[in-house]
Amino acid sequence: MAWTGLWWGSRRARLWFAGLMPPGAVVIILLGLSEMLSPVRPQQQGEPADLSARISALGSGPGMLIAAVGLLTLVVGTALTITTFVVETTLMVRRHE
């Protein structure tokens, strides 16, 4: 939504947003991975704190969701960045002709 709204804003704002979108998505992915790989929380009732408990906990919890959202953001952000740079370059060339 912000990217769409910036088309009526300044060129500088569009380019900053498009340039920062993919690195921001990578940061989100890294946050999700760090959450997934963080140590197991204190033991639940009767659950052993061994390797099998850690492996079963990897697929559940917010870390997987955060990493998945970051991956989707990276795909969309990269496409929007490419589109923005192509359009802005085309507009610059046409204005200087």
Protein backbone atom coordinates (compact mmCIF):
# COMPACT_ATOMS: atom_id res chain seq x y z
CA MET A 1 0.00 0.00 0.00
CA ALA A 2 2.83 2.39 0.81
CA TRP A 3 4.48 1.74 -2.55
CA THR A 4 1.23 2.53 -4.38
CA GLY A 5 0.74 5.71 -2.40
CA LEU A 6 4.28 6.89 -3.15
CA TRP A 7 3.55 7.13 -6.88
CA TRP A 8 1.87 10.45 -6.07
CA GLY A 9 4.78 11.42 -3.83
CA SER A 10 8.32 12.41 -4.65
CA ARG A 11 10.74 10.40 -6.76
CA ARG A 12 13.25 10.37 -3.91
CA ALA A 13 10.73 8.75 -1.55
CA ARG A 14 9.86 6.07 -4.13
CA LEU A 15 13.51 5.21 -4.73
CA TRP A 16 14.32 5.07 -1.01
CA PHE A 17 11.34 2.83 -0.33
CA ALA A 18 12.16 0.55 -3.27
CA GLY A 19 15.82 0.36 -2.29
CA LEU A 20 15.18 -0.44 1.36
CA MET A 21 12.43 -3.01 0.82
CA PRO A 22 14.63 -6.08 0.04
CA PRO A 23 17.15 -5.46 2.86
CA GLY A 24 14.24 -4.96 5.27
CA ALA A 25 12.80 -8.29 4.17
CA VAL A 26 16.16 -9.99 4.80
CA VAL A 27 16.16 -8.55 8.32
CA ILE A 28 12.67 -9.99 8.89
CA ILE A 29 13.83 -13.41 7.67
CA LEU A 30 16.83 -13.30 10.00
CA LEU A 31 14.59 -12.36 12.94
CA GLY A 32 12.33 -15.32 12.16
CA LEU A 33 15.29 -17.67 11.92
CA SER A 34 16.75 -16.43 15.19
CA GLU A 35 13.38 -16.98 16.86
CA MET A 36 13.17 -20.49 15.42
CA LEU A 37 16.67 -21.41 16.54
CA SER A 38 16.44 -19.86 20.00
CA PRO A 39 16.71 -22.30 22.90
CA VAL A 40 13.64 -24.23 23.94
CA ARG A 41 11.55 -22.46 26.53
CA PRO A 42 11.40 -23.94 30.02
CA GLN A 43 10.17 -27.52 30.07
CA GLN A 44 6.50 -28.16 29.65
CA GLN A 45 4.84 -30.74 31.85
CA GLY A 46 6.64 -34.03 31.34
CA GLU A 47 8.44 -32.92 28.15
CA PRO A 48 12.16 -33.74 28.14
CA ALA A 49 14.53 -30.96 27.12
CA ASP A 50 16.49 -33.06 24.65
CA LEU A 51 17.18 -32.85 20.93
CA SER A 52 13.88 -34.41 19.90
CA ALA A 53 11.95 -31.73 21.81
CA ARG A 54 13.95 -28.99 20.11
CA ILE A 55 13.38 -30.52 16.67
CA SER A 56 9.64 -30.82 17.25
CA ALA A 57 9.51 -27.20 18.45
CA LEU A 58 11.17 -25.87 15.28
CA GLY A 59 8.06 -26.18 13.12
CA SER A 60 5.73 -24.58 15.61
CA GLY A 61 5.71 -21.12 17.04
CA PRO A 62 6.04 -17.62 15.69
CA GLY A 63 9.55 -18.04 14.23
CA MET A 64 8.35 -20.06 11.25
CA LEU A 65 5.58 -17.58 10.52
CA ILE A 66 7.92 -14.59 10.76
CA ALA A 67 10.42 -16.23 8.38
CA ALA A 68 7.64 -17.14 5.92
CA VAL A 69 6.29 -13.58 5.92
CA GLY A 70 9.83 -12.29 5.42
CA LEU A 71 10.33 -14.61 2.46
CA LEU A 72 7.08 -13.44 0.84
CA THR A 73 8.08 -9.84 1.51
CA LEU A 74 11.43 -10.45 -0.14
CA VAL A 75 9.79 -11.80 -3.31
CA VAL A 76 7.27 -8.96 -3.56
CA GLY A 77 9.81 -6.31 -2.54
CA THR A 78 12.31 -7.44 -5.16
CA ALA A 79 9.66 -7.30 -7.88
CA LEU A 80 8.56 -3.83 -6.77
CA THR A 81 12.17 -2.64 -6.63
CA ILE A 82 12.87 -3.84 -10.16
CA THR A 83 9.64 -2.27 -11.43
CA THR A 84 10.39 1.04 -9.71
CA PHE A 85 13.94 1.27 -11.03
CA VAL A 86 12.88 0.38 -14.59
CA VAL A 87 10.06 2.95 -14.59
CA GLU A 88 12.16 5.68 -12.99
CA THR A 89 15.04 5.07 -15.41
CA THR A 90 12.65 5.19 -18.36
CA LEU A 91 11.12 8.43 -17.09
CA MET A 92 14.56 9.99 -16.61
CA VAL A 93 15.66 9.06 -20.13
CA ARG A 94 12.44 10.39 -21.68
CA ARG A 95 12.70 13.69 -19.81
CA HIS A 96 16.25 14.27 -21.05
CA GLU A 97 15.41 13.64 -24.70
